[in-house]
Amino acid sequence: MPTTVDMWFDPLCPWAWITSRWLLEVERVRDVEVRFHVMSLNVLNEHKDIPDAYRERLAAGWGLTRVLIAAEQRYGSGVLRDLYTAIGTRVHVHKEERDQAMLAAALADVGLDSALAAEATNAEHDGRLRESHAVGMAPVGDDVGTPVIHVPGVDGRPVAFFGPVVTPTPSGEEAGRLWDGVLLVAGTEGFFELKRSRDRSPDTTPVS
């Protein structure tokens, strides 16, 4: 049986988008199966002291995450893989507006009811969104962001971590080697952080 890898994403984040595309590459070269779940940078930061400009940029994420949750509730969690791909391609690759028209088009792309785009303004989905967010963040704490990955470690113990933050998207065996290294490091008892300053913007060019 393939190893189950669970990733929590906020569809607004370009770094999470790149990580998700990397994981799909990992599926091609390693015996893993990726499952996608929704978290929220708005929920993560709602009680934090962040710049007003950043909070305003995050505001568009409410609509995107609500529609994803609404689709999950209607069709099941398996729908998130393709819907995230459709939304992310429009947002991060084609740089479309993050509005209901884009969401309706993304839903139609994957054969779902485009009327679900109206759920972007329905705060009734926020309870389920917070539940999904909480499950993803519980093992890693609130000092990180998105993406978050949960996976069985090399010795079978559950491992959860933020990242990796990488650009551009590794492909083929390069993706597999990164996966092997991340899994080894994250599964080391007592290991917490490996980081350096970013010197480039996220490159969301699709893997060829």
C-alpha atoms as a PDB file:
ATOM      1  CA  MET A   1       0.000   0.000   0.000  1.00  0.00           C
ATOM      2  CA  PRO A   2       1.299   3.495  -0.774  1.00  0.00           C
ATOM      3  CA  THR A   3       2.219   5.818   2.083  1.00  0.00           C
ATOM      4  CA  THR A   4      -0.541   8.354   2.742  1.00  0.00           C
ATOM      5  CA  VAL A   5       0.651  11.964   2.761  1.00  0.00           C
ATOM      6  CA  ASP A   6      -1.788  14.608   4.009  1.00  0.00           C
ATOM      7  CA  MET A   7      -1.215  18.231   3.043  1.00  0.00           C
ATOM      8  CA  TRP A   8      -3.033  21.265   4.447  1.00  0.00           C
ATOM      9  CA  PHE A   9      -3.126  24.286   2.157  1.00  0.00           C
ATOM     10  CA  ASP A  10      -4.521  27.781   1.925  1.00  0.00           C
ATOM     11  CA  PRO A  11      -5.334  28.330  -1.779  1.00  0.00           C
ATOM     12  CA  LEU A  12      -4.145  31.931  -1.535  1.00  0.00           C
ATOM     13  CA  CYS A  13      -0.517  30.999  -0.801  1.00  0.00           C
ATOM     14  CA  PRO A  14       1.840  30.602  -3.806  1.00  0.00           C
ATOM     15  CA  TRP A  15       4.401  28.712  -1.686  1.00  0.00           C
ATOM     16  CA  ALA A  16       1.784  26.130  -0.707  1.00  0.00           C
ATOM     17  CA  TRP A  17       0.814  25.858  -4.360  1.00  0.00           C
ATOM     18  CA  ILE A  18       4.411  25.025  -5.344  1.00  0.00           C
ATOM     19  CA  THR A  19       4.656  22.459  -2.541  1.00  0.00           C
ATOM     20  CA  SER A  20       1.432  20.825  -3.700  1.00  0.00           C
ATOM     21  CA  ARG A  21       2.753  20.520  -7.252  1.00  0.00           C
ATOM     22  CA  TRP A  22       5.980  19.049  -5.855  1.00  0.00           C
ATOM     23  CA  LEU A  23       4.007  16.422  -3.933  1.00  0.00           C
ATOM     24  CA  LEU A  24       2.193  15.428  -7.105  1.00  0.00           C
ATOM     25  CA  GLU A  25       5.604  14.966  -8.698  1.00  0.00           C
ATOM     26  CA  VAL A  26       6.645  12.857  -5.695  1.00  0.00           C
ATOM     27  CA  GLU A  27       3.629  10.610  -6.367  1.00  0.00           C
ATOM     28  CA  ARG A  28       5.136   9.806  -9.746  1.00  0.00           C
ATOM     29  CA  VAL A  29       8.509   8.623  -8.378  1.00  0.00           C
ATOM     30  CA  ARG A  30       7.763   7.371  -4.869  1.00  0.00           C
ATOM     31  CA  ASP A  31       5.076   5.053  -3.490  1.00  0.00           C
ATOM     32  CA  VAL A  32       2.954   7.776  -1.888  1.00  0.00           C
ATOM     33  CA  GLU A  33      -0.631   8.982  -2.190  1.00  0.00           C
ATOM     34  CA  VAL A  34      -1.371  12.623  -1.427  1.00  0.00           C
ATOM     35  CA  ARG A  35      -4.593  13.774   0.198  1.00  0.00           C
ATOM     36  CA  PHE A  36      -5.456  17.457   0.401  1.00  0.00           C
ATOM     37  CA  HIS A  37      -7.094  19.399   3.225  1.00  0.00           C
ATOM     38  CA  VAL A  38      -7.963  23.054   3.755  1.00  0.00           C
ATOM     39  CA  MET A  39      -6.391  25.371   6.308  1.00  0.00           C
ATOM     40  CA  SER A  40      -6.758  29.138   6.546  1.00  0.00           C
ATOM     41  CA  LEU A  41      -4.210  31.915   6.852  1.00  0.00           C
ATOM     42  CA  ASN A  42      -7.095  34.142   7.965  1.00  0.00           C
ATOM     43  CA  VAL A  43      -7.863  31.830  10.886  1.00  0.00           C
ATOM     44  CA  LEU A  44      -4.162  31.460  11.681  1.00  0.00           C
ATOM     45  CA  ASN A  45      -3.615  35.223  11.824  1.00  0.00           C
ATOM     46  CA  GLU A  46      -6.931  36.514  13.129  1.00  0.00           C
ATOM     47  CA  HIS A  47      -5.596  37.260  16.631  1.00  0.00           C
ATOM     48  CA  LYS A  48      -2.041  38.142  15.584  1.00  0.00           C
ATOM     49  CA  ASP A  49      -0.561  41.613  15.169  1.00  0.00           C
ATOM     50  CA  ILE A  50       0.064  41.688  11.422  1.00  0.00           C
ATOM     51  CA  PRO A  51       0.266  44.664   9.019  1.00  0.00           C
ATOM     52  CA  ASP A  52      -3.088  45.945   7.782  1.00  0.00           C
ATOM     53  CA  ALA A  53      -1.955  45.552   4.176  1.00  0.00           C
ATOM     54  CA  TYR A  54      -1.241  41.855   4.730  1.00  0.00           C
ATOM     55  CA  ARG A  55      -4.600  41.305   6.433  1.00  0.00           C
ATOM     56  CA  GLU A  56      -6.322  42.961   3.484  1.00  0.00           C
ATOM     57  CA  ARG A  57      -4.499  40.639   1.052  1.00  0.00           C
ATOM     58  CA  LEU A  58      -5.602  37.643   3.090  1.00  0.00           C
ATOM     59  CA  ALA A  59      -9.261  38.698   3.021  1.00  0.00           C
ATOM     60  CA  ALA A  60      -9.790  37.202  -0.441  1.00  0.00           C
ATOM     61  CA  GLY A  61      -8.875  33.832   1.026  1.00  0.00           C
ATOM     62  CA  TRP A  62     -12.130  33.576   2.956  1.00  0.00           C
ATOM     63  CA  GLY A  63     -14.124  33.110  -0.239  1.00  0.00           C
ATOM     64  CA  LEU A  64     -11.711  30.583  -1.720  1.00  0.00           C
ATOM     65  CA  THR A  65     -11.574  28.430   1.405  1.00  0.00           C
ATOM     66  CA  ARG A  66     -15.344  28.552   1.935  1.00  0.00           C
ATOM     67  CA  VAL A  67     -15.991  27.282  -1.586  1.00  0.00           C
ATOM     68  CA  LEU A  68     -13.471  24.482  -1.126  1.00  0.00           C
ATOM     69  CA  ILE A  69     -15.142  23.477   2.143  1.00  0.00           C
ATOM     70  CA  ALA A  70     -18.596  23.672   0.534  1.00  0.00           C
ATOM     71  CA  ALA A  71     -17.436  21.393  -2.294  1.00  0.00           C
ATOM     72  CA  GLU A  72     -15.871  18.975   0.189  1.00  0.00           C
ATOM     73  CA  GLN A  73     -19.104  18.841   2.166  1.00  0.00           C
ATOM     74  CA  ARG A  74     -21.166  18.085  -0.946  1.00  0.00           C
ATOM     75  CA  TYR A  75     -18.851  15.785  -2.875  1.00  0.00           C
ATOM     76  CA  GLY A  76     -16.383  14.384  -0.325  1.00  0.00           C
ATOM     77  CA  SER A  77     -12.777  15.174   0.514  1.00  0.00           C
ATOM     78  CA  GLY A  78     -11.444  13.542  -2.656  1.00  0.00           C
ATOM     79  CA  VAL A  79     -12.751  16.468  -4.681  1.00  0.00           C
ATOM     80  CA  LEU A  80     -10.218  18.843  -3.138  1.00  0.00           C
ATOM     81  CA  ARG A  81      -7.308  17.575  -5.237  1.00  0.00           C
ATOM     82  CA  ASP A  82      -8.809  18.574  -8.577  1.00  0.00           C
ATOM     83  CA  LEU A  83     -10.604  21.670  -7.335  1.00  0.00           C
ATOM     84  CA  TYR A  84      -7.443  22.999  -5.681  1.00  0.00           C
ATOM     85  CA  THR A  85      -5.609  22.368  -8.944  1.00  0.00           C
ATOM     86  CA  ALA A  86      -8.273  24.269 -10.899  1.00  0.00           C
ATOM     87  CA  ILE A  87      -8.325  27.214  -8.484  1.00  0.00           C
ATOM     88  CA  GLY A  88      -4.562  27.297  -8.068  1.00  0.00           C
ATOM     89  CA  THR A  89      -3.931  27.214 -11.803  1.00  0.00           C
ATOM     90  CA  ARG A  90      -6.188  30.206 -12.293  1.00  0.00           C
ATOM     91  CA  VAL A  91      -4.854  32.132  -9.282  1.00  0.00           C
ATOM     92  CA  HIS A  92      -1.137  31.317  -9.318  1.00  0.00           C
ATOM     93  CA  VAL A  93      -0.400  30.471 -12.948  1.00  0.00           C
ATOM     94  CA  HIS A  94      -2.827  32.683 -14.888  1.00  0.00           C
ATOM     95  CA  LYS A  95      -3.036  35.426 -12.214  1.00  0.00           C
ATOM     96  CA  GLU A  96      -6.822  35.715 -12.412  1.00  0.00           C
ATOM     97  CA  GLU A  97      -8.899  37.755  -9.995  1.00  0.00           C
ATOM     98  CA  ARG A  98      -9.795  35.890  -6.810  1.00  0.00           C
ATOM     99  CA  ASP A  99     -13.517  36.475  -7.175  1.00  0.00           C
ATOM    100  CA  GLN A 100     -16.703  34.470  -7.576  1.00  0.00           C
ATOM    101  CA  ALA A 101     -16.452  34.463 -11.370  1.00  0.00           C
ATOM    102  CA  MET A 102     -13.069  32.766 -11.154  1.00  0.00           C
ATOM    103  CA  LEU A 103     -14.412  30.271  -8.610  1.00  0.00           C
ATOM    104  CA  ALA A 104     -17.403  29.448 -10.809  1.00  0.00           C
ATOM    105  CA  ALA A 105     -15.073  28.813 -13.740  1.00  0.00           C
ATOM    106  CA  ALA A 106     -12.773  26.638 -11.624  1.00  0.00           C
ATOM    107  CA  LEU A 107     -15.714  24.568 -10.405  1.00  0.00           C
ATOM    108  CA  ALA A 108     -16.882  24.095 -13.984  1.00  0.00           C
ATOM    109  CA  ASP A 109     -13.338  23.072 -14.981  1.00  0.00           C
ATOM    110  CA  VAL A 110     -13.647  19.962 -12.826  1.00  0.00           C
ATOM    111  CA  GLY A 111     -17.283  19.201 -13.518  1.00  0.00           C
ATOM    112  CA  LEU A 112     -18.722  20.564 -10.268  1.00  0.00           C
ATOM    113  CA  ASP A 113     -21.754  22.781  -9.752  1.00  0.00           C
ATOM    114  CA  SER A 114     -20.577  26.304 -10.550  1.00  0.00           C
ATOM    115  CA  ALA A 115     -23.358  27.682  -8.329  1.00  0.00           C
ATOM    116  CA  LEU A 116     -21.178  26.690  -5.363  1.00  0.00           C
ATOM    117  CA  ALA A 117     -19.154  29.835  -6.071  1.00  0.00           C
ATOM    118  CA  ALA A 118     -21.875  31.764  -4.237  1.00  0.00           C
ATOM    119  CA  GLU A 119     -20.788  30.004  -1.029  1.00  0.00           C
ATOM    120  CA  ALA A 120     -17.783  32.346  -0.973  1.00  0.00           C
ATOM    121  CA  THR A 121     -19.855  34.762   1.113  1.00  0.00           C
ATOM    122  CA  ASN A 122     -21.457  32.115   3.331  1.00  0.00           C
ATOM    123  CA  ALA A 123     -19.851  32.267   6.761  1.00  0.00           C
ATOM    124  CA  GLU A 124     -21.733  29.112   7.800  1.00  0.00           C
ATOM    125  CA  HIS A 125     -18.818  27.157   6.314  1.00  0.00           C
ATOM    126  CA  ASP A 126     -16.329  28.760   8.700  1.00  0.00           C
ATOM    127  CA  GLY A 127     -16.999  26.237  11.467  1.00  0.00           C
ATOM    128  CA  ARG A 128     -15.980  23.301   9.281  1.00  0.00           C
ATOM    129  CA  LEU A 129     -13.042  25.349   7.940  1.00  0.00           C
ATOM    130  CA  ARG A 130     -11.816  25.945  11.480  1.00  0.00           C
ATOM    131  CA  GLU A 131     -12.115  22.245  12.280  1.00  0.00           C
ATOM    132  CA  SER A 132     -10.023  21.285   9.253  1.00  0.00           C
ATOM    133  CA  HIS A 133      -7.509  23.997  10.080  1.00  0.00           C
ATOM    134  CA  ALA A 134      -7.210  22.823  13.683  1.00  0.00           C
ATOM    135  CA  VAL A 135      -6.522  19.215  12.689  1.00  0.00           C
ATOM    136  CA  GLY A 136      -3.750  20.296  10.366  1.00  0.00           C
ATOM    137  CA  MET A 137      -2.084  22.733  12.741  1.00  0.00           C
ATOM    138  CA  ALA A 138      -2.368  20.755  15.999  1.00  0.00           C
ATOM    139  CA  PRO A 139       0.898  18.779  15.601  1.00  0.00           C
ATOM    140  CA  VAL A 140       2.962  21.765  14.365  1.00  0.00           C
ATOM    141  CA  GLY A 141       1.687  24.725  16.392  1.00  0.00           C
ATOM    142  CA  ASP A 142       0.653  28.205  15.289  1.00  0.00           C
ATOM    143  CA  ASP A 143       4.139  29.635  14.683  1.00  0.00           C
ATOM    144  CA  VAL A 144       4.138  28.315  11.112  1.00  0.00           C
ATOM    145  CA  GLY A 145       1.926  28.801   8.091  1.00  0.00           C
ATOM    146  CA  THR A 146       0.998  26.825   5.014  1.00  0.00           C
ATOM    147  CA  PRO A 147       1.780  24.230   3.736  1.00  0.00           C
ATOM    148  CA  VAL A 148       1.615  21.676   6.540  1.00  0.00           C
ATOM    149  CA  ILE A 149       2.289  18.013   5.843  1.00  0.00           C
ATOM    150  CA  HIS A 150       1.457  14.932   7.941  1.00  0.00           C
ATOM    151  CA  VAL A 151       3.085  11.611   7.054  1.00  0.00           C
ATOM    152  CA  PRO A 152       4.184   8.379   8.721  1.00  0.00           C
ATOM    153  CA  GLY A 153       7.899   8.692   9.482  1.00  0.00           C
ATOM    154  CA  VAL A 154      10.662   6.313   8.420  1.00  0.00           C
ATOM    155  CA  ASP A 155      10.116   4.310  11.612  1.00  0.00           C
ATOM    156  CA  GLY A 156       6.314   4.418  11.374  1.00  0.00           C
ATOM    157  CA  ARG A 157       5.793   7.204  13.900  1.00  0.00           C
ATOM    158  CA  PRO A 158       3.590  10.078  12.708  1.00  0.00           C
ATOM    159  CA  VAL A 159       5.536  13.121  11.555  1.00  0.00           C
ATOM    160  CA  ALA A 160       4.137  16.589  10.866  1.00  0.00           C
ATOM    161  CA  PHE A 161       5.954  19.674   9.628  1.00  0.00           C
ATOM    162  CA  PHE A 162       5.612  23.028   7.875  1.00  0.00           C
ATOM    163  CA  GLY A 163       7.057  23.239   4.372  1.00  0.00           C
ATOM    164  CA  PRO A 164       9.148  22.631   2.477  1.00  0.00           C
ATOM    165  CA  VAL A 165       9.291  26.133   1.032  1.00  0.00           C
ATOM    166  CA  VAL A 166      10.953  25.743  -2.357  1.00  0.00           C
ATOM    167  CA  THR A 167      10.960  27.339  -5.803  1.00  0.00           C
ATOM    168  CA  PRO A 168      10.642  26.430  -8.609  1.00  0.00           C
ATOM    169  CA  THR A 169       8.790  23.133  -8.350  1.00  0.00           C
ATOM    170  CA  PRO A 170      11.205  20.168  -8.280  1.00  0.00           C
ATOM    171  CA  SER A 171      10.274  17.479 -10.776  1.00  0.00           C
ATOM    172  CA  GLY A 172      11.042  13.847 -11.477  1.00  0.00           C
ATOM    173  CA  GLU A 173      13.749  12.221  -9.406  1.00  0.00           C
ATOM    174  CA  GLU A 174      14.795  15.625  -8.044  1.00  0.00           C
ATOM    175  CA  ALA A 175      11.366  15.776  -6.398  1.00  0.00           C
ATOM    176  CA  GLY A 176      11.879  12.279  -5.027  1.00  0.00           C
ATOM    177  CA  ARG A 177      15.279  13.080  -3.545  1.00  0.00           C
ATOM    178  CA  LEU A 178      13.894  16.157  -1.823  1.00  0.00           C
ATOM    179  CA  TRP A 179      11.088  14.030  -0.413  1.00  0.00           C
ATOM    180  CA  ASP A 180      13.561  11.470   0.932  1.00  0.00           C
ATOM    181  CA  GLY A 181      15.604  14.198   2.618  1.00  0.00           C
ATOM    182  CA  VAL A 182      12.633  16.061   4.069  1.00  0.00           C
ATOM    183  CA  LEU A 183      11.208  12.849   5.490  1.00  0.00           C
ATOM    184  CA  LEU A 184      14.536  11.905   7.060  1.00  0.00           C
ATOM    185  CA  VAL A 185      15.108  15.321   8.630  1.00  0.00           C
ATOM    186  CA  ALA A 186      11.516  15.793   9.822  1.00  0.00           C
ATOM    187  CA  GLY A 187      11.523  12.328  11.387  1.00  0.00           C
ATOM    188  CA  THR A 188      14.627  13.005  13.473  1.00  0.00           C
ATOM    189  CA  GLU A 189      13.660  13.171  17.153  1.00  0.00           C
ATOM    190  CA  GLY A 190      14.160  16.667  18.543  1.00  0.00           C
ATOM    191  CA  PHE A 191      14.705  18.316  15.160  1.00  0.00           C
ATOM    192  CA  PHE A 192      12.766  21.563  14.772  1.00  0.00           C
ATOM    193  CA  GLU A 193      14.099  23.945  12.167  1.00  0.00           C
ATOM    194  CA  LEU A 194      16.333  24.363   9.119  1.00  0.00           C
ATOM    195  CA  LYS A 195      16.015  27.738   7.411  1.00  0.00           C
ATOM    196  CA  ARG A 196      17.678  30.448   5.353  1.00  0.00           C
ATOM    197  CA  SER A 197      16.458  33.804   4.057  1.00  0.00           C
ATOM    198  CA  ARG A 198      14.522  33.730   0.796  1.00  0.00           C
ATOM    199  CA  ASP A 199      16.273  35.475  -2.075  1.00  0.00           C
ATOM    200  CA  ARG A 200      13.628  35.004  -4.779  1.00  0.00           C
ATOM    201  CA  SER A 201       9.897  35.146  -5.334  1.00  0.00           C
ATOM    202  CA  PRO A 202       7.784  32.010  -5.818  1.00  0.00           C
ATOM    203  CA  ASP A 203       8.014  30.695  -9.369  1.00  0.00           C
ATOM    204  CA  THR A 204       4.650  29.123 -10.148  1.00  0.00           C
ATOM    205  CA  THR A 205       5.547  28.057 -13.688  1.00  0.00           C
ATOM    206  CA  PRO A 206       3.988  24.617 -14.229  1.00  0.00           C
ATOM    207  CA  VAL A 207       6.286  21.600 -14.358  1.00  0.00           C
ATOM    208  CA  SER A 208       6.833  20.683 -17.983  1.00  0.00           C
END
